[in-house]
N, C-alpha and C. Protein backbone atom coordinates (compact mmCIF):
# COMPACT_ATOMS: atom_id res chain seq x y z
N MET A 1 -7.73 -4.13 2.65
CA MET A 1 -6.31 -3.87 3.29
C MET A 1 -5.05 -3.23 2.34
N PHE A 2 -4.75 -2.53 2.84
CA PHE A 2 -3.51 -1.56 2.13
C PHE A 2 -2.28 -2.28 2.40
N ASP A 3 -1.62 -2.90 0.84
CA ASP A 3 -0.44 -3.58 1.21
C ASP A 3 0.79 -2.62 0.90
N PRO A 4 1.71 -2.21 1.65
CA PRO A 4 2.67 -1.37 1.02
C PRO A 4 3.93 -1.78 0.19
N VAL A 5 3.87 -3.23 0.34
CA VAL A 5 5.09 -3.72 -0.75
C VAL A 5 4.11 -4.11 -1.93
N ALA A 6 3.02 -4.26 -2.05
CA ALA A 6 2.70 -4.54 -3.35
C ALA A 6 2.04 -3.34 -4.16
N SER A 7 1.92 -2.06 -3.41
CA SER A 7 2.02 -0.81 -3.74
C SER A 7 3.02 -0.03 -3.99
N ARG A 8 4.05 -0.79 -3.90
CA ARG A 8 5.75 -0.13 -3.78
C ARG A 8 5.79 -0.94 -5.46
N ILE A 9 5.34 -2.41 -5.18
CA ILE A 9 5.81 -3.01 -6.58
C ILE A 9 5.32 -2.51 -7.70
N GLU A 10 3.81 -1.93 -7.75
CA GLU A 10 3.21 -1.53 -8.56
C GLU A 10 4.15 -0.09 -9.24
N LEU A 11 4.54 0.67 -8.21
CA LEU A 11 5.25 1.92 -8.75
C LEU A 11 6.56 1.75 -9.26
N ALA A 12 7.32 0.65 -8.71
CA ALA A 12 8.40 0.03 -9.73
C ALA A 12 7.98 -0.23 -10.78
N LEU A 13 7.13 -0.99 -11.17
CA LEU A 13 6.69 -1.57 -12.57
C LEU A 13 6.58 -0.61 -13.51
N GLY A 14 5.44 0.44 -12.72
CA GLY A 14 5.48 1.45 -13.71
C GLY A 14 6.52 2.45 -13.84
N ALA A 15 7.52 2.60 -13.26
CA ALA A 15 8.46 3.19 -13.28
C ALA A 15 9.72 2.45 -14.76
N MET A 16 9.55 1.67 -14.27
CA MET A 16 10.37 0.40 -15.41
C MET A 16 9.68 0.56 -16.69
N ASN A 17 8.40 0.80 -16.89
CA ASN A 17 8.05 0.78 -18.30
C ASN A 17 7.80 2.44 -18.61
N THR A 18 7.85 3.69 -18.25
CA THR A 18 7.62 4.50 -18.14
C THR A 18 8.65 5.35 -18.39
N ALA A 19 9.63 5.14 -17.37
CA ALA A 19 10.63 6.17 -17.39
C ALA A 19 12.11 6.29 -19.01
N LEU A 20 12.34 7.40 -19.21
CA LEU A 20 13.11 7.23 -20.24
C LEU A 20 14.34 7.29 -19.62
N PRO A 21 15.30 6.76 -20.77
CA PRO A 21 16.65 6.98 -20.26
C PRO A 21 17.47 8.10 -20.52
N THR A 22 18.15 8.82 -19.66
CA THR A 22 18.60 10.16 -20.22
C THR A 22 19.72 9.72 -21.12
N ASN A 23 19.88 11.26 -21.75
CA ASN A 23 20.71 10.93 -23.02
C ASN A 23 21.91 10.72 -22.73
N THR A 24 22.43 9.57 -22.68
CA THR A 24 24.10 9.22 -22.50
C THR A 24 24.73 8.19 -23.79
N PRO A 25 25.33 9.04 -24.71
CA PRO A 25 25.66 8.38 -25.96
C PRO A 25 26.56 7.34 -25.26
N GLU A 26 27.65 7.28 -24.40
CA GLU A 26 28.58 6.57 -24.10
C GLU A 26 27.67 5.05 -23.79
N LEU A 27 26.80 5.48 -22.68
CA LEU A 27 26.14 4.42 -22.03
C LEU A 27 25.28 3.75 -22.95
N ASP A 28 24.71 4.55 -23.83
CA ASP A 28 23.43 3.92 -25.03
C ASP A 28 24.68 2.96 -25.83
N ALA A 29 25.72 3.34 -26.28
CA ALA A 29 26.98 2.30 -26.60
C ALA A 29 26.96 1.29 -26.16
N LEU A 30 27.13 1.23 -24.94
CA LEU A 30 27.67 0.09 -24.26
C LEU A 30 26.38 -0.87 -23.95
N PHE A 31 25.35 -0.42 -23.99
CA PHE A 31 23.92 -0.89 -23.71
C PHE A 31 23.93 -1.74 -24.96
N ALA A 32 24.03 -1.26 -26.34
CA ALA A 32 24.05 -1.93 -27.43
C ALA A 32 24.77 -3.06 -27.90
N GLU A 33 26.14 -2.68 -27.07
CA GLU A 33 27.07 -3.85 -27.27
C GLU A 33 26.49 -4.73 -26.40
N LEU A 34 26.37 -4.88 -25.26
CA LEU A 34 25.30 -5.72 -23.72
C LEU A 34 24.95 -6.63 -24.90
N ARG A 35 23.69 -5.80 -25.62
CA ARG A 35 22.67 -6.60 -26.25
C ARG A 35 23.09 -7.76 -27.42
N SER A 36 24.28 -7.18 -27.79
CA SER A 36 24.54 -8.05 -28.95
C SER A 36 26.13 -9.09 -28.82
N ALA A 37 26.37 -8.89 -27.45
CA ALA A 37 27.26 -9.81 -26.79
C ALA A 37 27.31 -11.39 -27.09
N HIS A 38 28.22 -11.66 -27.54
CA HIS A 38 28.26 -13.48 -27.80
C HIS A 38 28.87 -14.18 -26.83
N GLU A 39 29.94 -13.47 -26.49
CA GLU A 39 31.08 -14.10 -25.57
C GLU A 39 31.00 -13.60 -24.11
N ASP A 40 31.01 -14.45 -23.06
CA ASP A 40 30.78 -13.96 -21.87
C ASP A 40 32.05 -13.11 -21.11
N GLY A 41 33.16 -13.32 -21.79
CA GLY A 41 34.12 -12.48 -21.12
C GLY A 41 33.84 -10.97 -21.95
N GLN A 42 32.90 -10.86 -23.36
CA GLN A 42 33.02 -9.24 -23.80
C GLN A 42 31.69 -8.88 -22.91
N ARG A 43 30.52 -9.96 -22.65
CA ARG A 43 29.73 -9.63 -21.72
C ARG A 43 30.23 -9.04 -20.34
N ARG A 44 30.99 -9.40 -19.60
CA ARG A 44 31.63 -8.79 -18.65
C ARG A 44 32.21 -7.91 -18.32
N GLU A 45 33.16 -7.81 -19.79
CA GLU A 45 33.64 -6.67 -19.67
C GLU A 45 32.87 -5.48 -19.90
N THR A 46 31.98 -5.61 -20.55
CA THR A 46 30.77 -4.29 -21.08
C THR A 46 30.16 -3.84 -19.60
N THR A 47 29.62 -5.14 -19.01
CA THR A 47 28.84 -4.84 -17.90
C THR A 47 29.95 -4.04 -16.82
N HIS A 48 31.03 -4.43 -16.75
CA HIS A 48 31.89 -3.67 -15.78
C HIS A 48 32.05 -2.25 -16.17
N ARG A 49 32.18 -1.76 -17.38
CA ARG A 49 32.17 -0.66 -17.75
C ARG A 49 30.95 0.02 -17.79
N ILE A 50 29.83 -0.52 -17.84
CA ILE A 50 28.48 0.18 -17.17
C ILE A 50 28.53 0.30 -15.60
N TRP A 51 28.72 -0.47 -14.73
CA TRP A 51 28.84 -0.23 -13.74
C TRP A 51 29.86 0.82 -13.31
N SER A 52 31.12 1.01 -13.81
CA SER A 52 31.93 2.00 -13.76
C SER A 52 31.28 3.33 -14.13
N ILE A 53 30.82 3.67 -15.04
CA ILE A 53 30.08 4.77 -15.05
C ILE A 53 29.09 4.93 -14.40
N TRP A 54 28.43 4.26 -14.01
CA TRP A 54 27.19 4.19 -12.84
C TRP A 54 27.56 4.84 -11.70
N CYS A 55 29.04 4.15 -11.15
CA CYS A 55 29.51 4.24 -9.49
C CYS A 55 30.22 5.53 -9.69
N SER A 56 30.51 6.26 -11.23
CA SER A 56 31.51 7.39 -11.35
C SER A 56 30.71 8.51 -10.88
N HIS A 57 31.15 9.44 -10.91
CA HIS A 57 30.51 11.21 -10.42
C HIS A 57 31.69 12.13 -10.91
N GLU A 58 31.29 13.43 -11.30
CA GLU A 58 32.25 14.56 -11.65
C GLU A 58 32.44 14.99 -10.18
N ASP A 59 31.63 14.87 -8.91
CA ASP A 59 31.48 15.50 -7.95
C ASP A 59 32.94 14.79 -7.07
N VAL A 60 34.05 15.23 -6.65
CA VAL A 60 34.97 14.38 -5.98
C VAL A 60 34.61 13.65 -5.04
N ALA A 61 33.99 14.76 -4.15
CA ALA A 61 33.10 13.71 -2.51
C ALA A 61 32.43 12.71 -2.93
N ALA A 62 31.49 13.02 -3.89
CA ALA A 62 30.45 12.06 -4.57
C ALA A 62 31.22 10.71 -4.57
N ALA A 63 32.19 10.89 -5.57
CA ALA A 63 33.19 9.80 -6.06
C ALA A 63 33.51 8.87 -4.70
N ASP A 64 34.13 10.04 -4.02
CA ASP A 64 34.73 9.33 -2.69
C ASP A 64 33.71 8.18 -1.71
N ALA A 65 32.70 9.04 -2.00
CA ALA A 65 31.59 8.39 -1.31
C ALA A 65 30.94 7.13 -1.96
N MET A 66 31.34 7.14 -2.71
CA MET A 66 30.88 5.70 -3.65
C MET A 66 31.87 4.95 -3.29
N ARG A 67 33.22 5.03 -3.28
CA ARG A 67 34.30 3.97 -3.07
C ARG A 67 34.14 3.44 -1.65
N THR A 68 33.83 4.43 -0.79
CA THR A 68 33.38 4.02 0.48
C THR A 68 32.44 3.12 0.76
N VAL A 69 31.47 3.30 0.04
CA VAL A 69 30.05 2.44 -0.41
C VAL A 69 30.33 0.99 -0.65
N VAL A 70 31.00 1.07 -1.80
CA VAL A 70 31.33 -0.15 -2.48
C VAL A 70 32.47 -1.09 -1.37
N GLU A 71 32.92 -0.12 -1.00
CA GLU A 71 34.33 -0.86 -0.27
C GLU A 71 33.65 -1.52 0.97
N ALA A 72 32.37 -1.02 1.66
CA ALA A 72 31.90 -1.61 2.52
C ALA A 72 30.86 -2.87 1.84
N PHE A 73 30.36 -2.73 1.04
CA PHE A 73 29.53 -4.11 0.23
C PHE A 73 30.90 -5.15 0.03
N ASP A 74 31.71 -4.77 -0.79
CA ASP A 74 32.81 -5.73 -0.83
C ASP A 74 33.44 -6.72 0.56
N THR A 75 33.39 -5.75 1.64
CA THR A 75 33.90 -6.38 2.82
C THR A 75 32.73 -7.12 3.73
N GLY A 76 31.44 -6.56 3.13
CA GLY A 76 30.44 -6.98 4.22
C GLY A 76 30.11 -5.89 5.53
N GLU A 77 31.31 -4.90 5.44
CA GLU A 77 30.94 -3.89 6.62
C GLU A 77 30.14 -2.91 6.46
N LEU A 78 28.56 -3.48 6.41
CA LEU A 78 27.66 -2.14 6.08
C LEU A 78 26.89 -1.59 7.33
N ALA A 79 27.25 -1.96 8.36
CA ALA A 79 26.65 -1.07 9.85
C ALA A 79 26.55 0.20 9.65
N HIS A 80 27.59 0.86 8.60
CA HIS A 80 28.06 2.50 9.14
C HIS A 80 27.76 3.37 7.77
N ILE A 81 27.02 2.59 6.64
CA ILE A 81 27.00 3.25 5.37
C ILE A 81 25.67 3.58 5.10
N GLU A 82 24.73 3.38 5.85
CA GLU A 82 23.29 3.91 5.63
C GLU A 82 23.31 5.59 5.66
N GLN A 83 24.02 6.16 6.63
CA GLN A 83 23.75 7.51 6.71
C GLN A 83 24.82 8.15 5.69
N THR A 84 25.98 7.48 5.15
CA THR A 84 26.25 7.89 4.12
C THR A 84 25.62 7.89 2.87
N LEU A 85 24.71 7.04 2.54
CA LEU A 85 24.01 6.61 1.54
C LEU A 85 23.12 7.75 1.52
N ASP A 86 22.05 7.98 2.88
CA ASP A 86 21.39 9.00 2.91
C ASP A 86 21.66 10.51 2.37
N THR A 87 23.08 11.00 2.81
CA THR A 87 23.65 11.62 2.51
C THR A 87 23.87 11.95 1.05
N MET A 88 24.15 10.81 0.45
CA MET A 88 24.60 11.00 -1.09
C MET A 88 23.25 11.10 -1.88
N VAL A 89 22.20 10.65 -1.29
CA VAL A 89 21.06 10.73 -2.53
C VAL A 89 20.30 12.27 -1.84
N GLY A 90 20.57 13.01 -0.91
CA GLY A 90 19.94 13.89 -0.50
C GLY A 90 20.91 15.20 -1.33
N ARG A 91 22.26 14.98 -1.52
CA ARG A 91 23.28 15.91 -2.31
C ARG A 91 23.29 15.49 -3.62
N TRP A 92 23.11 14.14 -3.91
CA TRP A 92 23.00 14.22 -5.34
C TRP A 92 21.69 13.66 -5.81
N PRO A 93 20.71 14.25 -5.47
CA PRO A 93 19.42 13.33 -6.07
C PRO A 93 19.32 12.90 -7.57
N GLY A 94 19.81 13.15 -8.25
CA GLY A 94 19.93 12.73 -9.54
C GLY A 94 20.52 11.65 -10.15
N TRP A 95 21.59 10.89 -8.85
CA TRP A 95 22.43 10.03 -9.14
C TRP A 95 21.96 8.55 -8.72
N ALA A 96 21.45 8.11 -10.06
CA ALA A 96 21.04 6.91 -9.85
C ALA A 96 21.56 5.76 -9.26
N GLU A 97 22.73 5.93 -9.43
CA GLU A 97 23.96 4.43 -8.77
C GLU A 97 23.39 4.81 -7.32
N ALA A 98 23.56 6.06 -6.44
CA ALA A 98 23.58 6.34 -4.78
C ALA A 98 22.08 5.43 -4.94
N TRP A 99 21.00 5.89 -5.21
CA TRP A 99 19.52 5.05 -4.97
C TRP A 99 19.66 3.85 -4.83
N ASN A 100 20.36 3.12 -6.05
CA ASN A 100 20.43 1.66 -6.12
C ASN A 100 21.28 0.80 -4.89
N LYS A 101 22.56 1.84 -4.60
CA LYS A 101 23.25 1.50 -3.48
C LYS A 101 22.35 1.47 -2.00
N ARG A 102 21.43 2.33 -2.09
CA ARG A 102 20.81 2.43 -0.83
C ARG A 102 19.52 1.32 -0.96
N ALA A 103 19.32 1.10 -2.34
CA ALA A 103 18.29 0.10 -2.47
C ALA A 103 18.42 -1.48 -1.82
N THR A 104 19.94 -1.43 -2.32
CA THR A 104 20.61 -2.77 -1.95
C THR A 104 20.78 -3.04 -0.81
N LEU A 105 21.06 -1.76 0.14
CA LEU A 105 21.75 -1.97 1.73
C LEU A 105 20.09 -2.68 2.19
N HIS A 106 19.01 -1.78 1.85
CA HIS A 106 17.94 -2.16 2.38
C HIS A 106 17.29 -3.51 2.19
N PHE A 107 17.76 -3.85 0.77
CA PHE A 107 17.32 -5.04 0.59
C PHE A 107 17.78 -6.28 1.34
N VAL A 108 19.22 -6.05 1.85
CA VAL A 108 20.34 -6.92 2.50
C VAL A 108 19.52 -7.10 3.84
N ALA A 109 18.84 -5.94 4.46
CA ALA A 109 18.37 -5.57 5.85
C ALA A 109 17.12 -5.76 5.61
N ASP A 110 16.56 -6.73 4.53
CA ASP A 110 15.06 -7.09 4.64
C ASP A 110 14.14 -5.63 5.18
N ARG A 111 14.73 -5.09 4.63
CA ARG A 111 13.61 -3.56 4.38
C ARG A 111 13.05 -3.69 2.85
N ARG A 112 11.92 -4.28 2.93
CA ARG A 112 11.76 -4.37 1.24
C ARG A 112 10.97 -2.86 0.91
N VAL A 113 10.25 -2.37 1.76
CA VAL A 113 9.42 -1.15 0.86
C VAL A 113 10.61 -0.12 0.47
N GLU A 114 11.52 0.22 1.85
CA GLU A 114 12.74 1.17 1.63
C GLU A 114 13.20 0.77 0.35
N SER A 115 13.40 -0.34 0.06
CA SER A 115 14.17 -1.12 -0.91
C SER A 115 13.29 -0.66 -2.24
N LEU A 116 12.19 -1.35 -1.98
CA LEU A 116 11.81 -0.55 -3.41
C LEU A 116 11.08 0.77 -3.77
N ASP A 117 11.18 1.75 -2.57
CA ASP A 117 10.96 3.36 -2.61
C ASP A 117 12.28 3.58 -3.53
N ASP A 118 13.78 3.11 -3.17
CA ASP A 118 14.72 3.40 -3.96
C ASP A 118 14.65 2.87 -5.29
N ILE A 119 14.61 1.28 -5.15
CA ILE A 119 14.56 1.02 -6.65
C ILE A 119 13.78 1.90 -7.98
N VAL A 120 12.42 2.43 -6.90
CA VAL A 120 11.61 3.60 -8.04
C VAL A 120 12.53 4.67 -8.34
N ARG A 121 13.22 5.14 -7.53
CA ARG A 121 13.81 6.50 -7.43
C ARG A 121 14.75 5.83 -8.93
N THR A 122 15.70 4.77 -8.28
CA THR A 122 16.76 4.35 -9.43
C THR A 122 16.11 4.24 -10.91
N LEU A 123 14.98 3.51 -10.98
CA LEU A 123 14.73 3.29 -12.40
C LEU A 123 14.03 4.87 -12.88
N GLU A 124 13.55 5.17 -12.32
CA GLU A 124 13.23 6.72 -12.52
C GLU A 124 14.41 7.53 -13.50
N ARG A 125 15.52 7.42 -12.64
CA ARG A 125 16.77 8.15 -13.18
C ARG A 125 17.67 7.14 -14.44
N GLU A 126 17.38 6.00 -14.25
CA GLU A 126 17.98 5.07 -15.30
C GLU A 126 17.13 3.77 -15.32
N PRO A 127 16.07 3.63 -16.22
CA PRO A 127 15.17 2.43 -16.32
C PRO A 127 16.17 1.44 -17.20
N ARG A 128 17.02 1.45 -17.70
CA ARG A 128 18.16 0.15 -18.07
C ARG A 128 19.12 -0.26 -16.86
N HIS A 129 18.87 0.37 -15.57
CA HIS A 129 19.66 -0.21 -14.45
C HIS A 129 19.39 -1.76 -14.25
N PHE A 130 19.66 -2.82 -14.94
CA PHE A 130 19.88 -4.10 -14.65
C PHE A 130 19.88 -4.43 -13.24
N GLY A 131 20.85 -3.75 -12.07
CA GLY A 131 20.98 -4.29 -10.81
C GLY A 131 19.55 -4.15 -10.26
N ALA A 132 19.09 -2.88 -10.25
CA ALA A 132 17.79 -2.42 -9.92
C ALA A 132 16.59 -3.51 -10.15
N LEU A 133 16.58 -3.82 -11.46
CA LEU A 133 15.32 -4.53 -12.14
C LEU A 133 15.80 -6.04 -11.65
N SER A 134 16.71 -6.52 -11.37
CA SER A 134 17.21 -7.44 -10.83
C SER A 134 16.55 -7.72 -9.28
N GLY A 135 16.77 -6.45 -8.58
CA GLY A 135 16.52 -6.37 -7.11
C GLY A 135 14.99 -6.51 -7.27
N LEU A 136 14.17 -6.11 -7.76
CA LEU A 136 13.06 -5.67 -7.90
C LEU A 136 12.42 -7.18 -8.26
N GLY A 137 13.12 -8.11 -8.94
CA GLY A 137 12.22 -9.46 -8.97
C GLY A 137 12.48 -9.76 -8.31
N GLN A 138 13.74 -9.92 -7.34
CA GLN A 138 14.40 -10.57 -6.33
C GLN A 138 12.81 -10.52 -5.27
N ILE A 139 12.51 -9.30 -5.03
CA ILE A 139 11.63 -8.88 -3.72
C ILE A 139 10.36 -9.42 -4.41
N CYS A 140 10.05 -9.30 -5.65
CA CYS A 140 8.93 -9.81 -5.84
C CYS A 140 8.56 -11.22 -5.83
N LEU A 141 9.78 -12.20 -5.96
CA LEU A 141 9.94 -13.72 -5.58
C LEU A 141 9.67 -13.76 -4.30
N GLY A 142 10.34 -13.12 -3.40
CA GLY A 142 10.22 -12.96 -1.93
C GLY A 142 8.68 -13.15 -1.53
N CYS A 143 8.12 -12.11 -2.27
CA CYS A 143 6.61 -11.76 -1.83
C CYS A 143 5.76 -12.95 -2.30
N GLY A 144 6.24 -13.54 -3.42
CA GLY A 144 5.30 -14.48 -3.98
C GLY A 144 4.67 -14.14 -5.24
N ASP A 145 4.70 -12.82 -5.68
CA ASP A 145 4.27 -11.85 -6.61
C ASP A 145 4.96 -12.45 -7.85
N LEU A 146 4.98 -13.40 -8.50
CA LEU A 146 5.48 -14.30 -9.82
C LEU A 146 5.87 -13.49 -10.73
N THR A 147 4.15 -13.05 -10.92
CA THR A 147 4.05 -12.45 -12.25
C THR A 147 5.17 -11.03 -12.30
N SER A 148 4.93 -10.28 -11.24
CA SER A 148 5.78 -9.07 -11.16
C SER A 148 7.27 -9.32 -11.43
N ALA A 149 7.63 -10.39 -10.73
CA ALA A 149 9.14 -11.17 -10.39
C ALA A 149 9.39 -11.30 -12.29
N LEU A 150 8.57 -12.20 -12.81
CA LEU A 150 8.74 -12.24 -14.65
C LEU A 150 8.56 -11.13 -14.85
N LEU A 151 8.07 -10.35 -15.12
CA LEU A 151 7.91 -9.32 -15.77
C LEU A 151 9.55 -8.33 -15.63
N ALA A 152 9.76 -8.08 -14.32
CA ALA A 152 11.13 -7.56 -14.13
C ALA A 152 12.14 -8.38 -14.65
N PHE A 153 12.27 -9.68 -14.61
CA PHE A 153 13.51 -10.24 -15.09
C PHE A 153 13.36 -10.25 -16.48
N GLU A 154 12.24 -10.26 -17.35
CA GLU A 154 12.07 -10.17 -18.87
C GLU A 154 12.74 -9.05 -19.09
N ARG A 155 12.90 -7.75 -18.42
CA ARG A 155 13.01 -6.61 -18.89
C ARG A 155 14.44 -6.84 -18.97
N VAL A 156 15.32 -7.41 -17.63
CA VAL A 156 16.76 -7.44 -17.63
C VAL A 156 17.11 -8.09 -18.80
N LEU A 157 16.71 -9.39 -18.93
CA LEU A 157 16.87 -10.10 -20.61
C LEU A 157 16.69 -9.05 -21.74
N THR A 158 15.94 -8.04 -21.76
CA THR A 158 15.78 -7.43 -23.01
C THR A 158 17.18 -6.05 -22.81
N ILE A 159 17.63 -5.93 -21.48
CA ILE A 159 19.12 -5.00 -21.78
C ILE A 159 20.54 -6.17 -21.54
N ASP A 160 20.31 -7.01 -21.36
CA ASP A 160 21.44 -7.87 -21.13
C ASP A 160 21.21 -9.65 -21.23
N PRO A 161 20.48 -10.08 -22.62
CA PRO A 161 20.31 -11.49 -22.65
C PRO A 161 21.10 -12.19 -22.78
N GLY A 162 22.23 -11.96 -22.02
CA GLY A 162 23.29 -13.23 -21.66
C GLY A 162 23.19 -13.78 -19.96
N VAL A 163 22.25 -13.19 -18.87
CA VAL A 163 22.37 -13.51 -17.67
C VAL A 163 21.74 -14.91 -17.57
N ARG A 164 22.61 -15.62 -17.54
CA ARG A 164 21.97 -17.30 -17.16
C ARG A 164 20.93 -17.11 -16.38
N ASP A 165 21.45 -16.39 -15.30
CA ASP A 165 20.44 -17.09 -14.06
C ASP A 165 19.04 -16.56 -13.84
N VAL A 166 19.48 -15.48 -14.60
CA VAL A 166 17.96 -14.81 -14.96
C VAL A 166 16.94 -15.31 -15.98
N LYS A 167 17.73 -16.07 -17.24
CA LYS A 167 17.20 -16.72 -17.97
C LYS A 167 16.37 -17.72 -17.25
N GLN A 168 17.15 -18.79 -16.52
CA GLN A 168 16.56 -19.78 -15.87
C GLN A 168 15.27 -19.48 -15.05
N ALA A 169 15.47 -17.99 -14.31
CA ALA A 169 14.40 -17.73 -13.62
C ALA A 169 13.27 -17.49 -14.34
N VAL A 170 13.31 -17.06 -15.45
CA VAL A 170 12.47 -16.67 -16.33
C VAL A 170 11.90 -17.95 -16.81
N ASP A 171 12.03 -19.02 -17.36
CA ASP A 171 11.92 -20.07 -17.75
C ASP A 171 11.12 -20.58 -16.75
N MET A 172 11.47 -20.44 -15.79
CA MET A 172 10.53 -21.37 -14.26
C MET A 172 9.29 -20.48 -14.34
N LEU A 173 9.56 -19.10 -14.05
CA LEU A 173 8.40 -18.33 -13.47
C LEU A 173 7.28 -18.04 -15.10
N ARG A 174 8.00 -18.66 -16.47
CA ARG A 174 6.70 -18.67 -17.11
C ARG A 174 6.08 -20.10 -16.81
N GLU A 175 6.78 -20.98 -16.67
CA GLU A 175 5.96 -22.23 -16.45
C GLU A 175 4.77 -21.62 -14.94
N ARG A 176 5.17 -21.23 -13.91
CA ARG A 176 4.18 -21.03 -13.00
C ARG A 176 3.31 -20.03 -12.71
N ALA A 177 4.20 -18.87 -13.41
CA ALA A 177 3.19 -17.43 -12.90
C ALA A 177 1.87 -17.66 -14.08
N ARG A 178 0.88 -16.68 -12.98
CA ARG A 178 -0.74 -16.73 -14.03
C ARG A 178 -0.49 -15.17 -14.44
N PRO A 179 -0.69 -15.02 -15.60
CA PRO A 179 -0.68 -13.56 -16.49
C PRO A 179 -1.99 -12.95 -15.43
N THR A 180 -1.68 -11.61 -15.31
CA THR A 180 -2.29 -10.95 -14.69
C THR A 180 -2.16 -9.18 -15.43
N ILE A 181 -2.98 -8.52 -15.38
CA ILE A 181 -2.92 -7.35 -16.07
C ILE A 181 -2.00 -6.37 -14.99
N HIS A 182 -1.10 -5.40 -15.10
CA HIS A 182 -0.97 -4.54 -14.12
C HIS A 182 -0.93 -3.37 -14.71
């Protein structure tokens, strides 16, 4: 029997393992800084700078749309942003953060297949996207796929080794997940 969620998880794991990050010297430097950050304050500042870059766009209309989406998430007023996100991924299909924000909206609405489809698109564009990888791990946990959750969360830790709740999840999953081949 075909399981659309399981097949999307496989696609997301594939994108996680095969996509190459774009040549972005500023992000490359920030990710190197994140991996070596020893203090929480430094880690938070570096993470904030990465998110700022991800959410920015040279097109003013894109930047305005992202501000609207971010404000909607901040206030919890999500009812009217799906169309904005659909427009964003259609108009700027190479923008990883537009796909990630739509994945997040689908996740919040418990629409796993759609969320996973957008996580794949995000990871194809930015395989270091720790937000998308964390979302993938959460969906895998929710589906009972502990091995895939472990793979996703371990990848988060290779990008940002200082995320305490992900470290705790990895420790728990290493005890409970049965190894399988993906």
